[in-house]
PDB file of all heavy atoms in Angstrom:
ATOM      1  N   LYS A   1     -95.662  54.129-147.822  1.00  0.00           N
ATOM      2  CA  LYS A   1     -94.373  54.011-148.512  1.00  0.00           C
ATOM      3  C   LYS A   1     -93.248  54.471-147.586  1.00  0.00           C
ATOM      4  O   LYS A   1     -93.209  55.617-147.155  1.00  0.00           O
ATOM      5  CB  LYS A   1     -94.372  54.855-149.791  1.00  0.00           C
ATOM      6  CG  LYS A   1     -95.488  54.486-150.781  1.00  0.00           C
ATOM      7  CD  LYS A   1     -95.308  53.085-151.334  1.00  0.00           C
ATOM      8  CE  LYS A   1     -96.311  52.757-152.433  1.00  0.00           C
ATOM      9  NZ  LYS A   1     -97.652  52.445-151.929  1.00  0.00           N
ATOM     10  N   ILE A   2     -92.317  53.539-147.299  1.00  0.00           N
ATOM     11  CA  ILE A   2     -91.210  53.789-146.384  1.00  0.00           C
ATOM     12  C   ILE A   2     -89.895  53.713-147.163  1.00  0.00           C
ATOM     13  O   ILE A   2     -89.662  52.762-147.911  1.00  0.00           O
ATOM     14  CB  ILE A   2     -91.169  52.750-145.232  1.00  0.00           C
ATOM     15  CG1 ILE A   2     -92.564  52.551-144.621  1.00  0.00           C
ATOM     16  CG2 ILE A   2     -90.134  53.149-144.187  1.00  0.00           C
ATOM     17  CD1 ILE A   2     -93.158  53.774-143.986  1.00  0.00           C
ATOM     18  N   LEU A   3     -89.037  54.712-146.978  1.00  0.00           N
ATOM     19  CA  LEU A   3     -87.726  54.742-147.633  1.00  0.00           C
ATOM     20  C   LEU A   3     -86.642  54.351-146.634  1.00  0.00           C
ATOM     21  O   LEU A   3     -86.644  54.817-145.495  1.00  0.00           O
ATOM     22  CB  LEU A   3     -87.444  56.155-148.155  1.00  0.00           C
ATOM     23  CG  LEU A   3     -86.097  56.370-148.848  1.00  0.00           C
ATOM     24  CD1 LEU A   3     -86.104  55.731-150.229  1.00  0.00           C
ATOM     25  CD2 LEU A   3     -85.774  57.855-148.963  1.00  0.00           C
ATOM     26  N   GLU A   4     -85.720  53.487-147.059  1.00  0.00           N
ATOM     27  CA  GLU A   4     -84.549  53.179-146.228  1.00  0.00           C
ATOM     28  C   GLU A   4     -83.293  53.627-146.961  1.00  0.00           C
ATOM     29  O   GLU A   4     -83.108  53.314-148.146  1.00  0.00           O
ATOM     30  CB  GLU A   4     -84.448  51.693-145.890  1.00  0.00           C
ATOM     31  CG  GLU A   4     -83.216  51.420-145.036  1.00  0.00           C
ATOM     32  CD  GLU A   4     -83.118  50.014-144.485  1.00  0.00           C
ATOM     33  OE1 GLU A   4     -84.032  49.202-144.742  1.00  0.00           O
ATOM     34  OE2 GLU A   4     -82.110  49.713-143.812  1.00  0.00           O
ATOM     35  N   ILE A   5     -82.419  54.335-146.258  1.00  0.00           N
ATOM     36  CA  ILE A   5     -81.170  54.836-146.833  1.00  0.00           C
ATOM     37  C   ILE A   5     -79.999  54.027-146.284  1.00  0.00           C
ATOM     38  O   ILE A   5     -79.749  54.018-145.083  1.00  0.00           O
ATOM     39  CB  ILE A   5     -80.996  56.328-146.513  1.00  0.00           C
ATOM     40  CG1 ILE A   5     -82.082  57.149-147.196  1.00  0.00           C
ATOM     41  CG2 ILE A   5     -79.612  56.814-146.949  1.00  0.00           C
ATOM     42  CD1 ILE A   5     -82.071  58.621-146.848  1.00  0.00           C
ATOM     43  N   GLY A   6     -79.287  53.324-147.171  1.00  0.00           N
ATOM     44  CA  GLY A   6     -78.098  52.572-146.784  1.00  0.00           C
ATOM     45  C   GLY A   6     -78.428  51.281-146.079  1.00  0.00           C
ATOM     46  O   GLY A   6     -78.357  51.206-144.854  1.00  0.00           O
ATOM     47  N   PHE A   7     -78.794  50.221-146.827  1.00  0.00           N
ATOM     48  CA  PHE A   7     -79.237  48.988-146.169  1.00  0.00           C
ATOM     49  C   PHE A   7     -78.131  47.950-145.986  1.00  0.00           C
ATOM     50  O   PHE A   7     -78.379  46.856-145.482  1.00  0.00           O
ATOM     51  CB  PHE A   7     -80.437  48.368-146.902  1.00  0.00           C
ATOM     52  CG  PHE A   7     -80.206  48.024-148.355  1.00  0.00           C
ATOM     53  CD1 PHE A   7     -79.456  46.922-148.728  1.00  0.00           C
ATOM     54  CD2 PHE A   7     -80.772  48.804-149.358  1.00  0.00           C
ATOM     55  CE1 PHE A   7     -79.272  46.585-150.068  1.00  0.00           C
ATOM     56  CE2 PHE A   7     -80.607  48.486-150.708  1.00  0.00           C
ATOM     57  CZ  PHE A   7     -79.853  47.382-151.064  1.00  0.00           C
ATOM     58  N   GLY A   8     -76.892  48.277-146.374  1.00  0.00           N
ATOM     59  CA  GLY A   8     -75.794  47.330-146.144  1.00  0.00           C
ATOM     60  C   GLY A   8     -76.002  46.043-146.912  1.00  0.00           C
ATOM     61  O   GLY A   8     -76.166  46.041-148.135  1.00  0.00           O
ATOM     62  N   MET A   9     -76.033  44.915-146.186  1.00  0.00           N
ATOM     63  CA  MET A   9     -76.247  43.619-146.825  1.00  0.00           C
ATOM     64  C   MET A   9     -77.722  43.216-146.800  1.00  0.00           C
ATOM     65  O   MET A   9     -78.071  42.117-147.233  1.00  0.00           O
ATOM     66  CB  MET A   9     -75.385  42.544-146.156  1.00  0.00           C
ATOM     67  CG  MET A   9     -73.887  42.793-146.288  1.00  0.00           C
ATOM     68  SD  MET A   9     -73.323  42.992-148.005  1.00  0.00           S
ATOM     69  CE  MET A   9     -73.361  41.294-148.572  1.00  0.00           C
ATOM     70  N   GLY A  10     -78.581  44.077-146.278  1.00  0.00           N
ATOM     71  CA  GLY A  10     -80.019  43.896-146.445  1.00  0.00           C
ATOM     72  C   GLY A  10     -80.732  43.005-145.447  1.00  0.00           C
ATOM     73  O   GLY A  10     -81.953  42.835-145.542  1.00  0.00           O
ATOM     74  N   GLU A  11     -80.005  42.451-144.478  1.00  0.00           N
ATOM     75  CA  GLU A  11     -80.637  41.524-143.532  1.00  0.00           C
ATOM     76  C   GLU A  11     -81.778  42.196-142.763  1.00  0.00           C
ATOM     77  O   GLU A  11     -82.886  41.674-142.669  1.00  0.00           O
ATOM     78  CB  GLU A  11     -79.561  41.006-142.554  1.00  0.00           C
ATOM     79  CG  GLU A  11     -80.104  40.107-141.453  1.00  0.00           C
ATOM     80  CD  GLU A  11     -79.070  39.822-140.364  1.00  0.00           C
ATOM     81  OE1 GLU A  11     -77.919  40.300-140.479  1.00  0.00           O
ATOM     82  OE2 GLU A  11     -79.428  39.150-139.396  1.00  0.00           O
ATOM     83  N   THR A  12     -81.498  43.380-142.209  1.00  0.00           N
ATOM     84  CA  THR A  12     -82.516  44.103-141.441  1.00  0.00           C
ATOM     85  C   THR A  12     -83.683  44.513-142.324  1.00  0.00           C
ATOM     86  O   THR A  12     -84.854  44.382-141.949  1.00  0.00           O
ATOM     87  CB  THR A  12     -81.891  45.342-140.775  1.00  0.00           C
ATOM     88  OG1 THR A  12     -80.946  44.908-139.794  1.00  0.00           O
ATOM     89  CG2 THR A  12     -82.940  46.213-140.103  1.00  0.00           C
ATOM     90  N   THR A  13     -83.382  45.011-143.509  1.00  0.00           N
ATOM     91  CA  THR A  13     -84.411  45.471-144.435  1.00  0.00           C
ATOM     92  C   THR A  13     -85.380  44.352-144.789  1.00  0.00           C
ATOM     93  O   THR A  13     -86.603  44.553-144.789  1.00  0.00           O
ATOM     94  CB  THR A  13     -83.756  46.011-145.717  1.00  0.00           C
ATOM     95  OG1 THR A  13     -82.726  46.928-145.359  1.00  0.00           O
ATOM     96  CG2 THR A  13     -84.762  46.708-146.609  1.00  0.00           C
ATOM     97  N   ALA A  14     -84.853  43.174-145.087  1.00  0.00           N
ATOM     98  CA  ALA A  14     -85.699  42.037-145.445  1.00  0.00           C
ATOM     99  C   ALA A  14     -86.588  41.623-144.269  1.00  0.00           C
ATOM    100  O   ALA A  14     -87.774  41.315-144.454  1.00  0.00           O
ATOM    101  CB  ALA A  14     -84.829  40.862-145.888  1.00  0.00           C
ATOM    102  N   LYS A  15     -86.031  41.641-143.062  1.00  0.00           N
ATOM    103  CA  LYS A  15     -86.823  41.254-141.883  1.00  0.00           C
ATOM    104  C   LYS A  15     -87.951  42.249-141.625  1.00  0.00           C
ATOM    105  O   LYS A  15     -89.068  41.855-141.280  1.00  0.00           O
ATOM    106  CB  LYS A  15     -85.907  41.144-140.658  1.00  0.00           C
ATOM    107  CG  LYS A  15     -85.022  39.905-140.668  1.00  0.00           C
ATOM    108  CD  LYS A  15     -84.148  39.835-139.422  1.00  0.00           C
ATOM    109  CE  LYS A  15     -83.300  38.575-139.429  1.00  0.00           C
ATOM    110  NZ  LYS A  15     -82.384  38.522-138.245  1.00  0.00           N
ATOM    111  N   ILE A  16     -87.650  43.539-141.765  1.00  0.00           N
ATOM    112  CA  ILE A  16     -88.685  44.553-141.540  1.00  0.00           C
ATOM    113  C   ILE A  16     -89.781  44.441-142.600  1.00  0.00           C
ATOM    114  O   ILE A  16     -90.975  44.521-142.293  1.00  0.00           O
ATOM    115  CB  ILE A  16     -88.077  45.966-141.532  1.00  0.00           C
ATOM    116  CG1 ILE A  16     -87.162  46.147-140.315  1.00  0.00           C
ATOM    117  CG2 ILE A  16     -89.174  47.031-141.513  1.00  0.00           C
ATOM    118  CD1 ILE A  16     -86.416  47.474-140.277  1.00  0.00           C
ATOM    119  N   ALA A  17     -89.384  44.248-143.856  1.00  0.00           N
ATOM    120  CA  ALA A  17     -90.369  44.121-144.934  1.00  0.00           C
ATOM    121  C   ALA A  17     -91.266  42.901-144.713  1.00  0.00           C
ATOM    122  O   ALA A  17     -92.475  42.947-144.984  1.00  0.00           O
ATOM    123  CB  ALA A  17     -89.665  44.026-146.283  1.00  0.00           C
ATOM    124  N   ALA A  18     -90.682  41.805-144.209  1.00  0.00           N
ATOM    125  CA  ALA A  18     -91.478  40.597-143.930  1.00  0.00           C
ATOM    126  C   ALA A  18     -92.420  40.832-142.751  1.00  0.00           C
ATOM    127  O   ALA A  18     -93.587  40.420-142.777  1.00  0.00           O
ATOM    128  CB  ALA A  18     -90.556  39.423-143.649  1.00  0.00           C
ATOM    129  N   LEU A  19     -91.932  41.522-141.729  1.00  0.00           N
ATOM    130  CA  LEU A  19     -92.732  41.778-140.524  1.00  0.00           C
ATOM    131  C   LEU A  19     -93.858  42.775-140.809  1.00  0.00           C
ATOM    132  O   LEU A  19     -94.975  42.632-140.311  1.00  0.00           O
ATOM    133  CB  LEU A  19     -91.826  42.316-139.411  1.00  0.00           C
ATOM    134  CG  LEU A  19     -92.475  42.605-138.065  1.00  0.00           C
ATOM    135  CD1 LEU A  19     -92.929  41.311-137.399  1.00  0.00           C
ATOM    136  CD2 LEU A  19     -91.491  43.340-137.147  1.00  0.00           C
ATOM    137  N   ARG A  20     -93.559  43.771-141.639  1.00  0.00           N
ATOM    138  CA  ARG A  20     -94.534  44.827-141.922  1.00  0.00           C
ATOM    139  C   ARG A  20     -95.061  44.678-143.355  1.00  0.00           C
ATOM    140  O   ARG A  20     -94.869  45.530-144.209  1.00  0.00           O
ATOM    141  CB  ARG A  20     -93.894  46.197-141.703  1.00  0.00           C
ATOM    142  CG  ARG A  20     -93.607  46.473-140.231  1.00  0.00           C
ATOM    143  CD  ARG A  20     -92.831  47.755-140.000  1.00  0.00           C
ATOM    144  NE  ARG A  20     -93.411  48.927-140.646  1.00  0.00           N
ATOM    145  CZ  ARG A  20     -92.943  50.166-140.508  1.00  0.00           C
ATOM    146  NH1 ARG A  20     -91.897  50.398-139.727  1.00  0.00           N
ATOM    147  NH2 ARG A  20     -93.513  51.175-141.130  1.00  0.00           N
ATOM    148  N   SER A  21     -95.747  43.595-143.581  1.00  0.00           N
ATOM    149  CA  SER A  21     -96.262  43.314-144.929  1.00  0.00           C
ATOM    150  C   SER A  21     -97.340  44.302-145.357  1.00  0.00           C
ATOM    151  O   SER A  21     -97.679  44.380-146.539  1.00  0.00           O
ATOM    152  CB  SER A  21     -96.814  41.882-144.986  1.00  0.00           C
ATOM    153  OG  SER A  21     -97.851  41.714-144.017  1.00  0.00           O
ATOM    154  N   GLU A  22     -97.864  45.085-144.397  1.00  0.00           N
ATOM    155  CA  GLU A  22     -98.886  46.082-144.726  1.00  0.00           C
ATOM    156  C   GLU A  22     -98.287  47.359-145.281  1.00  0.00           C
ATOM    157  O   GLU A  22     -99.013  48.287-145.672  1.00  0.00           O
ATOM    158  CB  GLU A  22     -99.729  46.406-143.482  1.00  0.00           C
ATOM    159  CG  GLU A  22     -99.043  47.233-142.420  1.00  0.00           C
ATOM    160  CD  GLU A  22     -98.085  46.460-141.510  1.00  0.00           C
ATOM    161  OE1 GLU A  22     -97.862  45.260-141.750  1.00  0.00           O
ATOM    162  OE2 GLU A  22     -97.567  47.074-140.551  1.00  0.00           O
ATOM    163  N   ASP A  23     -96.941  47.446-145.340  1.00  0.00           N
ATOM    164  CA  ASP A  23     -96.250  48.626-145.869  1.00  0.00           C
ATOM    165  C   ASP A  23     -95.375  48.249-147.059  1.00  0.00           C
ATOM    166  O   ASP A  23     -94.951  47.103-147.200  1.00  0.00           O
ATOM    167  CB  ASP A  23     -95.359  49.262-144.790  1.00  0.00           C
ATOM    168  CG  ASP A  23     -96.155  49.798-143.610  1.00  0.00           C
ATOM    169  OD1 ASP A  23     -97.292  50.260-143.816  1.00  0.00           O
ATOM    170  OD2 ASP A  23     -95.645  49.741-142.473  1.00  0.00           O
ATOM    171  N   ASP A  24     -95.070  49.253-147.913  1.00  0.00           N
ATOM    172  CA  ASP A  24     -94.137  49.076-149.021  1.00  0.00           C
ATOM    173  C   ASP A  24     -92.819  49.767-148.680  1.00  0.00           C
ATOM    174  O   ASP A  24     -92.821  50.852-148.103  1.00  0.00           O
ATOM    175  CB  ASP A  24     -94.701  49.704-150.309  1.00  0.00           C
ATOM    176  CG  ASP A  24     -95.869  48.918-150.877  1.00  0.00           C
ATOM    177  OD1 ASP A  24     -95.891  47.683-150.726  1.00  0.00           O
ATOM    178  OD2 ASP A  24     -96.765  49.552-151.486  1.00  0.00           O
ATOM    179  N   PHE A  25     -91.693  49.160-149.086  1.00  0.00           N
ATOM    180  CA  PHE A  25     -90.371  49.675-148.737  1.00  0.00           C
ATOM    181  C   PHE A  25     -89.525  49.894-149.992  1.00  0.00           C
ATOM    182  O   PHE A  25     -89.375  48.999-150.823  1.00  0.00           O
ATOM    183  CB  PHE A  25     -89.648  48.702-147.790  1.00  0.00           C
ATOM    184  CG  PHE A  25     -90.319  48.587-146.454  1.00  0.00           C
ATOM    185  CD1 PHE A  25     -91.340  47.673-146.249  1.00  0.00           C
ATOM    186  CD2 PHE A  25     -89.946  49.409-145.402  1.00  0.00           C
ATOM    187  CE1 PHE A  25     -91.976  47.581-145.023  1.00  0.00           C
ATOM    188  CE2 PHE A  25     -90.571  49.332-144.168  1.00  0.00           C
ATOM    189  CZ  PHE A  25     -91.596  48.422-143.979  1.00  0.00           C
ATOM    190  N   LEU A  26     -88.968  51.095-150.090  1.00  0.00           N
ATOM    191  CA  LEU A  26     -88.013  51.439-151.144  1.00  0.00           C
ATOM    192  C   LEU A  26     -86.664  51.622-150.466  1.00  0.00           C
ATOM    193  O   LEU A  26     -86.510  52.487-149.603  1.00  0.00           O
ATOM    194  CB  LEU A  26     -88.438  52.722-151.845  1.00  0.00           C
ATOM    195  CG  LEU A  26     -87.504  53.243-152.949  1.00  0.00           C
ATOM    196  CD1 LEU A  26     -87.421  52.247-154.099  1.00  0.00           C
ATOM    197  CD2 LEU A  26     -87.980  54.608-153.455  1.00  0.00           C
ATOM    198  N   ALA A  27     -85.679  50.789-150.817  1.00  0.00           N
ATOM    199  CA  ALA A  27     -84.400  50.769-150.110  1.00  0.00           C
ATOM    200  C   ALA A  27     -83.257  51.141-151.051  1.00  0.00           C
ATOM    201  O   ALA A  27     -83.200  50.663-152.182  1.00  0.00           O
ATOM    202  CB  ALA A  27     -84.157  49.387-149.504  1.00  0.00           C
ATOM    203  N   ILE A  28     -82.351  51.993-150.552  1.00  0.00           N
ATOM    204  CA  ILE A  28     -81.263  52.525-151.377  1.00  0.00           C
ATOM    205  C   ILE A  28     -79.912  52.056-150.842  1.00  0.00           C
ATOM    206  O   ILE A  28     -79.646  52.125-149.640  1.00  0.00           O
ATOM    207  CB  ILE A  28     -81.288  54.067-151.389  1.00  0.00           C
ATOM    208  CG1 ILE A  28     -82.652  54.592-151.835  1.00  0.00           C
ATOM    209  CG2 ILE A  28     -80.193  54.620-152.298  1.00  0.00           C
ATOM    210  CD1 ILE A  28     -82.801  56.094-151.666  1.00  0.00           C
ATOM    211  N   GLU A  29     -79.053  51.613-151.735  1.00  0.00           N
ATOM    212  CA  GLU A  29     -77.683  51.201-151.390  1.00  0.00           C
ATOM    213  C   GLU A  29     -76.836  51.324-152.649  1.00  0.00           C
ATOM    214  O   GLU A  29     -77.336  51.080-153.754  1.00  0.00           O
ATOM    215  CB  GLU A  29     -77.680  49.768-150.860  1.00  0.00           C
ATOM    216  CG  GLU A  29     -76.313  49.181-150.533  1.00  0.00           C
ATOM    217  CD  GLU A  29     -75.565  49.988-149.468  1.00  0.00           C
ATOM    218  OE1 GLU A  29     -76.071  50.116-148.347  1.00  0.00           O
ATOM    219  OE2 GLU A  29     -74.483  50.490-149.799  1.00  0.00           O
ATOM    220  N   VAL A  30     -75.562  51.704-152.504  1.00  0.00           N
ATOM    221  CA  VAL A  30     -74.716  51.863-153.688  1.00  0.00           C
ATOM    222  C   VAL A  30     -73.858  50.640-153.994  1.00  0.00           C
ATOM    223  O   VAL A  30     -73.401  50.475-155.115  1.00  0.00           O
ATOM    224  CB  VAL A  30     -73.775  53.095-153.546  1.00  0.00           C
ATOM    225  CG1 VAL A  30     -74.584  54.371-153.518  1.00  0.00           C
ATOM    226  CG2 VAL A  30     -72.889  52.981-152.323  1.00  0.00           C
ATOM    227  N   HIS A  31     -73.634  49.768-153.026  1.00  0.00           N
ATOM    228  CA  HIS A  31     -72.658  48.692-153.197  1.00  0.00           C
ATOM    229  C   HIS A  31     -73.292  47.437-153.789  1.00  0.00           C
ATOM    230  O   HIS A  31     -74.230  46.872-153.215  1.00  0.00           O
ATOM    231  CB  HIS A  31     -71.996  48.378-151.865  1.00  0.00           C
ATOM    232  CG  HIS A  31     -71.292  49.569-151.285  1.00  0.00           C
ATOM    233  ND1 HIS A  31     -70.119  50.069-151.807  1.00  0.00           N
ATOM    234  CD2 HIS A  31     -71.626  50.399-150.270  1.00  0.00           C
ATOM    235  CE1 HIS A  31     -69.757  51.135-151.126  1.00  0.00           C
ATOM    236  NE2 HIS A  31     -70.650  51.362-150.195  1.00  0.00           N
TER     237      HIS A  31
END
């Protein structure tokens, strides 16, 4: 389980989640 703080528009987060399908990602953003 990997936490990301502040993902902006999410482009990087989506790419990492696709690349690392063996991990789960919880991502936080306020906007």
